[in-house]
N, C-alpha and C. Protein backbone atom coordinates (compact mmCIF):
# COMPACT_ATOMS: atom_id res chain seq x y z
N MET A 1 -58.66 91.57 -14.42
CA MET A 1 -58.38 92.66 -13.41
C MET A 1 -57.83 91.90 -12.44
N LYS A 2 -57.80 90.90 -11.59
CA LYS A 2 -57.42 90.39 -10.77
C LYS A 2 -56.08 89.77 -11.32
N ASN A 3 -55.41 89.77 -12.16
CA ASN A 3 -54.49 89.52 -12.96
C ASN A 3 -53.43 90.76 -12.41
N ARG A 4 -54.38 91.64 -12.70
CA ARG A 4 -53.28 93.11 -12.95
C ARG A 4 -53.38 93.81 -11.23
N TRP A 5 -53.80 93.26 -9.85
CA TRP A 5 -53.51 93.36 -9.09
C TRP A 5 -52.66 92.23 -8.38
N LEU A 6 -52.30 91.45 -8.71
CA LEU A 6 -51.43 90.22 -8.22
C LEU A 6 -49.89 90.69 -8.77
N VAL A 7 -50.10 91.04 -10.31
CA VAL A 7 -48.79 91.86 -11.23
C VAL A 7 -48.23 93.22 -9.91
N ALA A 8 -49.65 93.59 -9.73
CA ALA A 8 -48.77 95.30 -8.80
C ALA A 8 -48.19 94.65 -7.12
N LEU A 9 -49.13 93.85 -6.70
CA LEU A 9 -48.85 93.09 -5.80
C LEU A 9 -46.80 92.48 -5.81
N ALA A 10 -47.00 91.93 -6.58
CA ALA A 10 -45.90 91.13 -7.29
C ALA A 10 -44.40 92.22 -6.68
N ALA A 11 -45.15 93.33 -7.88
CA ALA A 11 -43.82 94.17 -8.05
C ALA A 11 -43.58 95.52 -6.84
N LEU A 12 -44.62 95.43 -5.81
CA LEU A 12 -44.58 95.84 -4.84
C LEU A 12 -43.48 95.22 -3.79
N LEU A 13 -43.97 93.83 -3.65
CA LEU A 13 -42.91 93.15 -2.97
C LEU A 13 -41.72 92.61 -3.40
N ALA A 14 -41.28 92.85 -4.54
CA ALA A 14 -40.42 92.96 -4.61
C ALA A 14 -39.28 93.94 -5.18
N GLY A 15 -40.22 95.28 -5.04
CA GLY A 15 -39.36 97.00 -4.57
C GLY A 15 -39.06 96.67 -3.30
N GLY A 16 -39.75 96.56 -2.12
CA GLY A 16 -39.80 96.26 -0.90
C GLY A 16 -38.81 95.04 -0.52
N ALA A 17 -38.60 93.97 -1.36
CA ALA A 17 -37.09 93.20 -1.06
C ALA A 17 -35.96 93.57 -1.18
N VAL A 18 -35.88 94.43 -2.61
CA VAL A 18 -34.70 95.25 -2.99
C VAL A 18 -34.73 96.30 -2.28
N SER A 19 -35.48 97.01 -1.66
CA SER A 19 -34.95 98.32 -0.27
C SER A 19 -34.17 97.73 0.84
N ALA A 20 -34.83 96.55 0.57
CA ALA A 20 -34.85 95.93 2.22
C ALA A 20 -33.32 95.93 1.99
N GLY A 21 -32.94 95.11 0.85
CA GLY A 21 -31.30 94.51 0.74
C GLY A 21 -30.26 95.39 0.94
N LEU A 22 -30.75 96.43 -0.05
CA LEU A 22 -29.87 97.67 0.06
C LEU A 22 -30.19 98.52 1.31
N LEU A 23 -30.97 98.44 2.19
CA LEU A 23 -30.88 98.84 3.78
C LEU A 23 -30.05 98.51 4.40
N VAL A 24 -29.75 96.82 4.29
CA VAL A 24 -28.52 95.89 4.95
C VAL A 24 -27.46 96.35 4.16
N PHE A 25 -27.78 96.31 3.12
CA PHE A 25 -25.75 96.30 2.65
C PHE A 25 -25.65 97.86 3.08
N ALA A 26 -26.03 99.08 3.06
CA ALA A 26 -25.80 100.07 3.04
C ALA A 26 -25.73 100.52 4.71
N ASP A 27 -26.37 99.32 6.05
CA ASP A 27 -26.02 99.76 6.86
C ASP A 27 -24.59 99.68 7.54
N PRO A 28 -24.27 101.09 8.28
CA PRO A 28 -22.89 101.40 8.32
C PRO A 28 -22.30 99.78 9.77
N ALA A 29 -23.34 99.91 10.40
CA ALA A 29 -23.20 98.51 11.19
C ALA A 29 -22.75 96.89 10.56
N ARG A 30 -22.90 96.85 9.30
CA ARG A 30 -22.58 95.75 8.88
C ARG A 30 -21.25 95.69 8.61
N GLY A 31 -20.67 94.33 9.03
CA GLY A 31 -18.73 94.04 9.07
C GLY A 31 -18.48 95.03 10.17
N ALA A 32 -19.15 95.72 11.12
CA ALA A 32 -18.31 96.20 12.13
C ALA A 32 -17.42 95.25 12.65
N VAL A 33 -16.64 95.68 14.09
CA VAL A 33 -16.09 95.06 14.80
C VAL A 33 -15.22 95.82 15.98
N ASP A 34 -15.88 95.20 17.03
CA ASP A 34 -15.31 95.91 18.07
C ASP A 34 -13.54 96.15 18.23
N VAL A 35 -13.12 97.04 18.36
CA VAL A 35 -11.29 96.93 18.57
C VAL A 35 -10.99 97.90 19.85
N TYR A 36 -10.06 97.50 19.66
CA TYR A 36 -9.37 98.63 21.38
C TYR A 36 -8.65 99.87 21.17
N ALA A 37 -8.88 100.70 21.57
CA ALA A 37 -8.23 102.39 21.55
C ALA A 37 -7.76 103.14 22.56
N ALA A 38 -7.38 104.08 22.45
CA ALA A 38 -6.49 104.24 23.49
C ALA A 38 -7.32 105.05 24.67
N ALA A 39 -7.80 105.11 25.83
CA ALA A 39 -8.99 105.70 26.28
C ALA A 39 -8.46 107.03 26.75
N HIS A 40 -6.87 107.41 26.84
CA HIS A 40 -6.72 108.72 26.92
C HIS A 40 -5.65 108.75 26.55
N ASP A 41 -4.65 110.26 26.64
CA ASP A 41 -3.13 110.46 26.07
C ASP A 41 -2.30 109.07 26.91
N LEU A 42 -1.53 108.61 25.90
CA LEU A 42 -0.68 107.30 26.90
C LEU A 42 0.82 107.83 26.17
N GLN A 43 1.85 107.70 27.32
CA GLN A 43 3.05 108.43 26.98
C GLN A 43 3.58 106.68 26.69
N ALA A 44 4.93 107.05 26.10
CA ALA A 44 5.57 105.83 25.40
C ALA A 44 5.77 105.36 26.68
N GLY A 45 5.85 103.95 26.61
CA GLY A 45 5.85 103.10 27.80
C GLY A 45 5.48 102.44 28.78
N VAL A 46 4.20 103.23 28.61
CA VAL A 46 3.38 102.75 30.10
C VAL A 46 2.34 101.52 29.65
N PRO A 47 1.90 100.63 30.42
CA PRO A 47 1.52 99.81 30.69
C PRO A 47 0.01 99.64 29.61
N LEU A 48 -0.57 98.88 28.95
CA LEU A 48 -1.78 98.66 28.26
C LEU A 48 -2.77 98.42 29.26
N SER A 49 -3.02 98.82 30.77
CA SER A 49 -3.79 98.22 31.28
C SER A 49 -5.35 98.56 31.34
N THR A 50 -5.76 97.87 32.05
CA THR A 50 -7.43 98.13 31.32
C THR A 50 -8.05 99.28 31.71
N ASP A 51 -7.45 100.84 32.40
CA ASP A 51 -8.03 101.88 32.64
C ASP A 51 -7.47 102.67 31.44
N ALA A 52 -6.49 102.25 30.51
CA ALA A 52 -5.92 102.78 29.73
C ALA A 52 -6.51 102.73 28.36
N ILE A 53 -7.62 101.34 28.11
CA ILE A 53 -7.87 101.01 27.11
C ILE A 53 -9.39 101.06 27.01
N GLN A 54 -10.33 101.34 26.00
CA GLN A 54 -11.55 101.05 25.72
C GLN A 54 -11.88 100.87 24.44
N VAL A 55 -13.59 100.32 24.55
CA VAL A 55 -13.75 99.37 23.46
C VAL A 55 -14.45 100.70 21.70
N LYS A 56 -14.27 100.30 21.03
CA LYS A 56 -14.27 101.14 19.77
C LYS A 56 -14.97 100.39 18.75
N ARG A 57 -16.40 100.80 18.50
CA ARG A 57 -16.99 99.53 17.36
C ARG A 57 -16.93 100.32 15.89
N VAL A 58 -15.90 100.03 15.03
CA VAL A 58 -15.79 100.37 13.93
C VAL A 58 -15.92 99.95 12.82
N SER A 59 -15.88 99.93 11.43
CA SER A 59 -15.72 99.23 10.10
C SER A 59 -14.65 99.88 9.50
N ILE A 60 -13.55 98.80 9.36
CA ILE A 60 -12.19 99.33 8.71
C ILE A 60 -12.12 98.80 7.34
N GLU A 61 -12.38 99.37 6.13
CA GLU A 61 -11.93 98.58 4.57
C GLU A 61 -10.59 97.81 4.49
N GLY A 62 -10.47 96.70 4.24
CA GLY A 62 -9.41 95.52 4.77
C GLY A 62 -8.90 95.06 5.82
N GLY A 63 -10.33 95.09 6.69
CA GLY A 63 -10.25 94.28 8.02
C GLY A 63 -9.60 95.20 8.97
N ALA A 64 -9.29 94.46 10.09
CA ALA A 64 -8.72 94.50 11.55
C ALA A 64 -7.26 93.91 11.74
N ALA A 65 -6.95 93.25 10.95
CA ALA A 65 -5.87 92.29 11.70
C ALA A 65 -5.13 92.91 12.27
N GLN A 66 -4.68 94.21 12.13
CA GLN A 66 -3.27 95.11 12.80
C GLN A 66 -3.84 96.01 13.93
N LEU A 67 -5.24 95.29 14.19
CA LEU A 67 -5.50 96.11 15.51
C LEU A 67 -6.30 95.03 16.71
N PHE A 68 -6.23 95.47 17.81
CA PHE A 68 -6.40 94.57 19.24
C PHE A 68 -8.11 94.29 18.90
N THR A 69 -8.78 93.33 18.78
CA THR A 69 -10.09 93.44 18.85
C THR A 69 -10.65 92.47 20.35
N VAL A 70 -11.94 92.62 20.61
CA VAL A 70 -12.39 92.17 21.84
C VAL A 70 -11.70 90.86 22.17
N GLY A 71 -11.38 90.19 23.27
CA GLY A 71 -11.07 89.12 23.67
C GLY A 71 -9.56 88.77 23.44
N GLU A 72 -8.79 90.17 23.49
CA GLU A 72 -7.41 90.39 23.14
C GLU A 72 -6.29 91.03 24.39
N GLU A 73 -7.37 91.38 25.31
CA GLU A 73 -6.96 92.27 26.19
C GLU A 73 -5.99 91.87 27.05
N SER A 74 -6.43 90.70 27.71
CA SER A 74 -5.09 89.98 28.63
C SER A 74 -3.87 90.09 27.68
N ARG A 75 -3.34 90.27 26.69
CA ARG A 75 -2.46 89.99 25.78
C ARG A 75 -1.99 91.59 26.10
N LEU A 76 -3.07 92.95 25.48
CA LEU A 76 -2.80 93.93 25.82
C LEU A 76 -2.21 94.30 26.89
N SER A 77 -3.11 93.72 28.17
CA SER A 77 -2.86 94.17 29.33
C SER A 77 -0.99 93.53 29.84
N ALA A 78 -0.43 92.77 29.10
CA ALA A 78 1.23 92.56 28.96
C ALA A 78 2.07 93.19 28.26
N LEU A 79 1.59 93.87 27.36
CA LEU A 79 2.33 94.94 26.69
C LEU A 79 2.70 96.21 27.16
N ARG A 80 3.33 96.99 26.42
CA ARG A 80 3.73 98.95 26.82
C ARG A 80 2.92 99.54 25.48
N ALA A 81 2.57 100.72 25.44
CA ALA A 81 3.06 101.70 24.17
C ALA A 81 4.09 102.00 24.04
N ALA A 82 4.35 101.65 22.68
CA ALA A 82 5.88 101.95 21.70
C ALA A 82 6.37 103.03 21.74
N HIS A 83 5.22 104.16 21.83
CA HIS A 83 5.50 105.52 21.74
C HIS A 83 4.00 106.25 22.18
N ASP A 84 4.22 107.39 21.85
CA ASP A 84 3.06 108.28 22.70
C ASP A 84 1.89 108.36 21.88
N ILE A 85 0.80 107.29 22.34
CA ILE A 85 -0.63 107.16 21.71
C ILE A 85 -1.78 108.13 22.06
N PRO A 86 -2.46 109.13 21.35
CA PRO A 86 -3.09 110.40 21.73
C PRO A 86 -4.44 109.63 21.89
N ALA A 87 -5.52 110.10 22.78
CA ALA A 87 -6.54 109.81 23.48
C ALA A 87 -7.91 109.07 21.81
N GLY A 88 -7.88 108.10 21.97
CA GLY A 88 -9.25 107.96 20.62
C GLY A 88 -8.32 107.23 20.04
N GLN A 89 -7.25 107.05 19.59
CA GLN A 89 -6.58 106.80 18.15
C GLN A 89 -6.46 105.07 18.58
N LEU A 90 -6.69 104.49 17.81
CA LEU A 90 -7.10 102.58 17.33
C LEU A 90 -5.42 102.24 17.85
N ILE A 91 -5.54 101.31 18.19
CA ILE A 91 -3.99 100.74 18.73
C ILE A 91 -3.84 99.86 17.91
N GLN A 92 -3.20 99.78 17.11
CA GLN A 92 -2.13 99.00 16.28
C GLN A 92 -1.23 98.04 16.57
N ARG A 93 -0.79 97.05 16.17
CA ARG A 93 0.20 95.94 16.46
C ARG A 93 1.69 96.93 16.52
N GLY A 94 1.74 97.61 15.34
CA GLY A 94 2.99 98.45 15.76
C GLY A 94 3.12 99.70 16.93
N ASP A 95 1.82 99.34 17.38
CA ASP A 95 1.96 100.64 18.59
C ASP A 95 2.39 100.12 20.26
N VAL A 96 2.58 98.67 19.88
CA VAL A 96 2.78 98.48 21.05
C VAL A 96 4.42 97.68 21.47
N MET A 97 4.92 97.24 22.24
CA MET A 97 6.04 96.54 22.61
C MET A 97 6.15 95.61 23.88
N SER A 98 6.59 94.59 23.95
CA SER A 98 6.64 93.47 25.64
C SER A 98 7.36 94.18 26.68
N SER A 99 6.84 94.02 27.70
CA SER A 99 7.15 94.33 28.67
C SER A 99 8.43 94.66 29.54
N THR A 100 8.93 93.77 28.35
CA THR A 100 10.67 93.26 28.84
C THR A 100 11.28 94.60 28.09
N SER A 101 10.83 95.46 26.85
CA SER A 101 12.02 96.32 25.87
C SER A 101 11.36 97.61 26.35
N PHE A 102 11.77 98.24 26.01
CA PHE A 102 12.04 99.69 26.25
C PHE A 102 12.62 100.65 25.09
N VAL A 103 11.75 101.62 25.37
CA VAL A 103 11.51 102.96 23.95
C VAL A 103 12.30 103.75 23.52
N ASP A 104 13.27 104.07 24.54
CA ASP A 104 14.52 105.02 23.86
C ASP A 104 16.06 104.02 23.57
N ARG A 105 15.95 102.76 23.09
CA ARG A 105 17.11 102.14 22.82
C ARG A 105 18.29 102.54 22.09
N ARG A 106 19.81 101.84 21.80
CA ARG A 106 20.13 102.21 20.51
C ARG A 106 20.55 100.58 20.32
N LEU A 107 21.43 100.15 18.91
CA LEU A 107 22.02 99.46 18.87
C LEU A 107 23.68 99.36 18.80
N VAL A 108 24.30 98.51 19.90
CA VAL A 108 25.64 98.38 19.81
C VAL A 108 26.42 96.95 19.22
N PHE A 109 27.38 96.99 18.59
CA PHE A 109 28.17 95.68 18.22
C PHE A 109 28.92 95.35 19.72
N VAL A 110 28.99 94.78 20.01
CA VAL A 110 29.73 93.98 21.01
C VAL A 110 30.44 92.77 20.74
N PRO A 111 32.12 92.77 20.29
CA PRO A 111 32.50 91.71 20.26
C PRO A 111 32.52 90.36 21.38
N VAL A 112 32.69 89.50 21.09
CA VAL A 112 32.26 88.15 21.86
C VAL A 112 32.97 86.75 21.12
N GLY A 113 33.84 86.37 21.96
CA GLY A 113 35.14 85.27 21.35
C GLY A 113 33.78 83.81 21.59
N GLN A 114 33.65 82.79 20.69
CA GLN A 114 32.59 81.65 20.76
C GLN A 114 31.62 81.62 21.22
N ALA A 115 30.55 82.63 20.89
CA ALA A 115 29.41 82.56 21.53
C ALA A 115 28.39 81.31 21.23
N PRO A 116 27.85 80.82 21.87
CA PRO A 116 26.94 79.55 21.49
C PRO A 116 26.03 80.38 20.45
N PRO A 117 25.46 79.82 19.66
CA PRO A 117 24.20 80.05 18.50
C PRO A 117 23.20 80.99 19.43
N VAL A 118 23.05 81.64 18.46
CA VAL A 118 22.10 82.72 19.20
C VAL A 118 21.36 83.43 18.19
N SER A 119 19.85 83.27 18.44
CA SER A 119 18.54 84.00 17.38
C SER A 119 18.58 85.38 17.53
N ASN A 120 17.85 86.26 17.01
CA ASN A 120 17.48 87.69 16.63
C ASN A 120 16.41 87.39 17.47
N GLY A 121 16.35 88.30 19.25
CA GLY A 121 15.45 88.33 20.13
C GLY A 121 15.99 88.17 21.31
N ALA A 122 16.99 87.14 21.45
CA ALA A 122 16.94 86.24 22.37
C ALA A 122 17.93 87.12 23.18
N ARG A 123 18.04 86.65 24.91
CA ARG A 123 18.55 87.24 25.38
C ARG A 123 19.80 86.80 26.09
N VAL A 124 21.21 87.56 26.01
CA VAL A 124 22.49 86.71 26.67
C VAL A 124 23.01 87.56 27.74
N ASP A 125 23.70 86.77 28.49
CA ASP A 125 24.55 87.50 29.99
C ASP A 125 25.97 87.53 29.08
N LEU A 126 26.05 89.11 29.50
CA LEU A 126 27.80 89.41 28.97
C LEU A 126 28.14 89.53 30.81
N LEU A 127 29.62 88.39 30.33
CA LEU A 127 30.26 88.14 31.36
C LEU A 127 31.54 88.88 31.12
N LEU A 128 32.37 89.83 31.92
CA LEU A 128 33.67 90.15 31.75
C LEU A 128 34.82 89.33 32.48
N ILE A 129 35.85 88.94 31.34
CA ILE A 129 36.46 88.28 31.64
C ILE A 129 37.61 88.74 31.68
N ALA A 130 38.44 89.21 32.58
CA ALA A 130 39.50 90.37 33.45
C ALA A 130 40.44 89.75 34.22
N GLY A 131 41.17 90.76 34.81
CA GLY A 131 42.61 90.12 35.93
C GLY A 131 43.44 89.96 35.02
N THR A 132 44.41 89.16 35.67
CA THR A 132 45.87 88.66 35.02
C THR A 132 46.11 87.31 34.47
N PRO A 133 46.89 86.80 33.63
CA PRO A 133 47.04 85.67 33.28
C PRO A 133 47.27 85.12 34.58
N ASP A 134 47.76 84.97 35.35
CA ASP A 134 48.06 84.45 36.62
C ASP A 134 47.00 84.34 37.80
N HIS A 135 46.15 85.52 37.85
CA HIS A 135 44.99 85.74 38.37
C HIS A 135 43.63 86.23 37.68
N PRO A 136 43.02 85.80 37.17
CA PRO A 136 42.37 86.10 36.31
C PRO A 136 40.92 85.79 36.95
N THR A 137 39.75 86.49 36.34
CA THR A 137 38.18 86.77 37.05
C THR A 137 37.40 86.93 35.92
N VAL A 138 36.37 86.15 36.74
CA VAL A 138 35.11 86.19 35.47
C VAL A 138 33.82 87.33 36.64
N VAL A 139 33.49 88.35 35.89
CA VAL A 139 32.14 89.19 36.67
C VAL A 139 31.02 89.21 35.61
N PRO A 140 30.06 89.28 36.36
CA PRO A 140 28.96 90.25 35.32
C PRO A 140 28.61 91.01 35.21
N PHE A 141 28.81 91.56 34.01
CA PHE A 141 28.74 92.48 33.29
C PHE A 141 27.03 93.76 32.88
N ALA A 142 26.56 92.68 32.08
CA ALA A 142 24.89 92.88 32.11
C ALA A 142 24.55 91.85 31.75
N LEU A 143 23.31 91.82 32.32
CA LEU A 143 22.60 90.46 32.35
C LEU A 143 21.19 90.66 31.69
N GLY A 144 20.54 89.58 31.03
CA GLY A 144 19.78 89.66 30.19
C GLY A 144 19.37 90.95 29.07
N VAL A 145 20.23 90.82 28.25
CA VAL A 145 20.89 91.67 27.18
C VAL A 145 19.95 91.38 25.76
N GLU A 146 19.25 92.15 25.19
CA GLU A 146 18.91 91.77 24.05
C GLU A 146 19.40 91.79 22.60
N VAL A 147 19.55 90.62 22.03
CA VAL A 147 19.92 90.25 20.79
C VAL A 147 19.56 90.65 19.53
N GLN A 148 19.70 91.78 19.12
CA GLN A 148 19.12 92.04 17.54
C GLN A 148 19.91 91.36 16.29
N ALA A 149 20.45 90.92 16.52
CA ALA A 149 21.73 90.24 15.48
C ALA A 149 22.98 89.12 15.91
N ALA A 150 23.65 88.30 15.13
CA ALA A 150 24.53 87.49 15.85
C ALA A 150 25.52 87.67 14.38
N THR A 151 26.28 88.52 14.22
CA THR A 151 27.41 88.45 13.24
C THR A 151 28.78 87.76 13.38
N ASN A 152 29.69 88.28 12.77
CA ASN A 152 31.10 87.33 12.98
C ASN A 152 31.29 88.04 13.77
N GLY A 153 31.72 87.37 15.08
CA GLY A 153 32.85 87.99 15.94
C GLY A 153 32.20 88.69 17.35
N GLY A 154 30.84 88.34 17.02
CA GLY A 154 30.05 89.62 17.94
C GLY A 154 28.44 88.95 17.68
N LEU A 155 28.15 90.51 18.66
CA LEU A 155 26.62 90.05 18.74
C LEU A 155 26.09 91.84 18.70
N VAL A 156 25.09 92.13 17.48
CA VAL A 156 24.36 93.73 17.88
C VAL A 156 23.40 93.45 18.77
N VAL A 157 23.17 94.10 19.86
CA VAL A 157 22.64 94.27 20.97
C VAL A 157 21.86 95.34 21.11
N ALA A 158 20.48 95.28 21.74
CA ALA A 158 19.91 96.80 21.97
C ALA A 158 19.64 97.24 23.54
N VAL A 159 20.35 98.12 23.68
CA VAL A 159 20.78 98.65 24.84
C VAL A 159 19.53 100.16 25.20
N PRO A 160 19.52 100.50 26.43
CA PRO A 160 18.69 101.96 27.08
C PRO A 160 19.90 103.15 26.64
N ALA A 161 19.47 104.21 25.66
CA ALA A 161 19.91 105.21 25.56
C ALA A 161 21.23 104.93 26.48
N LYS A 162 20.86 105.90 27.67
CA LYS A 162 22.20 106.15 28.62
C LYS A 162 22.41 104.99 28.70
N GLU A 163 22.86 103.77 28.48
CA GLU A 163 24.07 102.80 28.76
C GLU A 163 24.68 102.23 27.51
N ALA A 164 24.35 103.20 26.14
CA ALA A 164 24.71 102.72 25.00
C ALA A 164 26.37 102.90 25.13
N ALA A 165 27.40 104.32 25.88
CA ALA A 165 28.23 104.92 25.97
C ALA A 165 29.09 103.66 26.78
N ALA A 166 28.38 103.02 27.61
CA ALA A 166 29.24 102.26 28.63
C ALA A 166 29.15 100.68 27.83
N PHE A 167 28.41 100.39 26.95
CA PHE A 167 29.15 98.97 25.99
C PHE A 167 29.47 99.37 24.64
N VAL A 168 29.65 100.66 24.17
CA VAL A 168 30.54 100.90 23.68
C VAL A 168 32.35 101.14 24.11
N PHE A 169 32.11 101.53 25.42
CA PHE A 169 33.75 101.07 26.36
C PHE A 169 33.94 99.79 26.14
N ALA A 170 32.85 99.05 26.69
CA ALA A 170 32.94 97.25 26.77
C ALA A 170 33.61 96.99 25.36
N ALA A 171 33.07 97.34 24.65
CA ALA A 171 33.70 96.57 23.31
C ALA A 171 34.80 96.75 22.81
N ALA A 172 35.44 98.04 23.08
CA ALA A 172 36.42 98.42 22.39
C ALA A 172 37.87 98.35 24.21
N THR A 173 37.07 97.90 25.16
CA THR A 173 38.56 97.88 25.66
C THR A 173 38.60 96.42 26.99
N MET A 174 37.24 95.68 26.79
CA MET A 174 36.92 94.55 27.97
C MET A 174 37.18 93.19 26.85
N HIS A 175 37.02 91.78 27.76
CA HIS A 175 37.11 91.04 26.93
C HIS A 175 35.93 89.92 27.73
N LEU A 176 34.88 90.06 26.57
CA LEU A 176 33.25 89.81 27.13
C LEU A 176 33.05 87.99 26.49
N ALA A 177 32.24 87.57 27.14
CA ALA A 177 31.88 86.38 26.87
C ALA A 177 30.48 86.22 26.83
N ALA A 178 29.67 85.68 25.95
CA ALA A 178 27.94 85.99 26.17
C ALA A 178 27.13 84.49 26.89
N VAL A 179 26.94 84.68 27.27
CA VAL A 179 25.88 83.43 27.90
C VAL A 179 24.33 83.47 26.92
N VAL A 180 24.37 82.25 26.53
CA VAL A 180 22.59 83.06 25.90
C VAL A 180 21.60 82.07 26.88
N ALA A 181 20.53 82.81 27.17
CA ALA A 181 19.53 82.41 28.49
C ALA A 181 18.32 81.97 27.01
N GLU A 182 17.93 80.28 27.73
CA GLU A 182 16.79 79.79 26.84
C GLU A 182 15.69 80.87 26.63
N PRO A 183 14.55 80.40 26.20
CA PRO A 183 13.21 81.47 26.29
C PRO A 183 12.89 80.99 27.64
N GLY A 184 12.03 81.82 28.02
CA GLY A 184 11.43 81.90 29.05
C GLY A 184 12.45 81.55 30.71
N ALA A 185 13.47 81.96 30.35
CA ALA A 185 14.69 81.75 31.81
C ALA A 185 14.46 82.63 32.61
N GLY A 186 14.20 82.67 33.64
CA GLY A 186 14.89 83.87 34.89
C GLY A 186 15.68 84.70 34.47
N HIS A 187 15.72 85.79 35.11
CA HIS A 187 16.76 86.92 35.16
C HIS A 187 18.49 86.35 35.46
N GLY A 188 19.34 85.92 35.08
CA GLY A 188 20.55 85.86 35.36
C GLY A 188 21.17 85.63 36.80
N THR A 189 21.97 84.83 37.21
CA THR A 189 22.38 85.12 38.86
C THR A 189 23.60 84.73 38.81
N GLU A 190 24.16 84.73 37.56
CA GLU A 190 25.88 84.83 37.39
C GLU A 190 26.77 85.65 38.86
N VAL A 191 27.17 84.80 39.35
CA VAL A 191 28.28 85.37 40.11
C VAL A 191 29.85 85.38 39.65
N PRO A 192 30.51 86.43 40.38
CA PRO A 192 32.10 86.38 40.28
C PRO A 192 32.88 85.40 40.23
N ILE A 193 33.88 84.76 39.39
CA ILE A 193 34.86 83.85 39.82
C ILE A 193 35.91 84.17 39.70
N SER A 194 36.85 84.22 40.74
CA SER A 194 38.19 85.23 40.93
C SER A 194 39.25 83.70 41.36
N SER A 195 38.94 82.79 40.88
CA SER A 195 40.16 81.19 41.51
C SER A 195 39.33 80.08 41.22
N SER A 196 40.32 79.12 40.44
CA SER A 196 39.71 77.80 40.22
C SER A 196 39.10 77.17 41.64
N ASP A 197 39.36 77.40 42.97
CA ASP A 197 38.32 76.91 43.75
C ASP A 197 36.83 77.27 43.64
N ASP A 198 36.77 78.39 43.25
CA ASP A 198 35.24 79.57 43.37
C ASP A 198 34.60 79.03 42.07
N ALA A 199 35.54 78.47 40.99
CA ALA A 199 34.88 77.36 39.99
C ALA A 199 34.05 76.24 40.59
N MET A 200 34.73 75.25 40.89
CA MET A 200 34.45 74.06 41.07
C MET A 200 33.33 74.07 42.04
N VAL A 201 33.21 75.07 43.50
CA VAL A 201 32.07 75.53 43.73
C VAL A 201 30.92 75.81 43.47
N VAL A 202 31.13 76.52 42.43
CA VAL A 202 29.64 77.35 42.06
C VAL A 202 29.37 76.01 40.60
N ALA A 203 30.20 75.32 40.10
CA ALA A 203 29.47 74.36 38.98
C ALA A 203 29.37 73.53 39.95
N SER A 204 29.56 72.77 40.95
CA SER A 204 29.36 72.04 41.69
C SER A 204 27.79 72.28 42.44
N GLY A 205 27.31 73.35 42.23
CA GLY A 205 25.65 73.94 42.81
C GLY A 205 26.22 73.93 44.37
N ARG A 206 27.78 73.74 45.28
CA ARG A 206 27.83 73.65 46.70
C ARG A 206 27.27 75.15 46.79
C-alpha cells in the first residue's frame, strides 16, 4: 500500500512539473521585449522626441533586430520620421532618417572636373567657376550636398525636390567643382574669390 501511495505521489508531482513547464512555455511574456512605437500620428520629417514615442512590450517571432529597443531613446531622439507613421505602429529602422536628411528628395547627376575621392553618403560643397578667362571667379553654388554615388565625370547628389531644377540647370550650363567635407565637419564657409589677391588672402588665413 505504501508503495502505491509513493507511486501515485510521484506521478502527481511529475504531472505538476509538466504542467508548470507548459505554463512557462505558453506564457506570452516569455521572450517579450520592450520596443518603441509611435505615441501618436507622426508626419514625415518630424523629430522622434520623447513625446513622439512610447514603449510597447511585444513578442516577435524572429527577434527585434529591425526595431528600436529600450535603451536606444537617445539615438531615436537624433532621428526623424522618414514617412508618415500612424499611432501605435512599431518604429523600425527603415522608418527613420538622420536629422540632416530630407523627405522629398531627387537624385541629380552633376558633372564635376577632377573631384577628390568621395564615398556614398559624403557631403560636398559645389563651387561655381564663372567669369571670363581674364577675370575668373569662384563662388559657392550649394553647400553640404549629399552624395549618393560617384561616377566617371561627376557625382549623383540627393537634393530637395524643389531644388532639383536648379541643379539640372547648373549641370547643363555651369562649370562646377566639388570640395569634399570630411566626416563630422561643420557647414561649409567658402567665400567668393574673384582675383588672385582674394585667393592669396583667403589661403593665408588673413
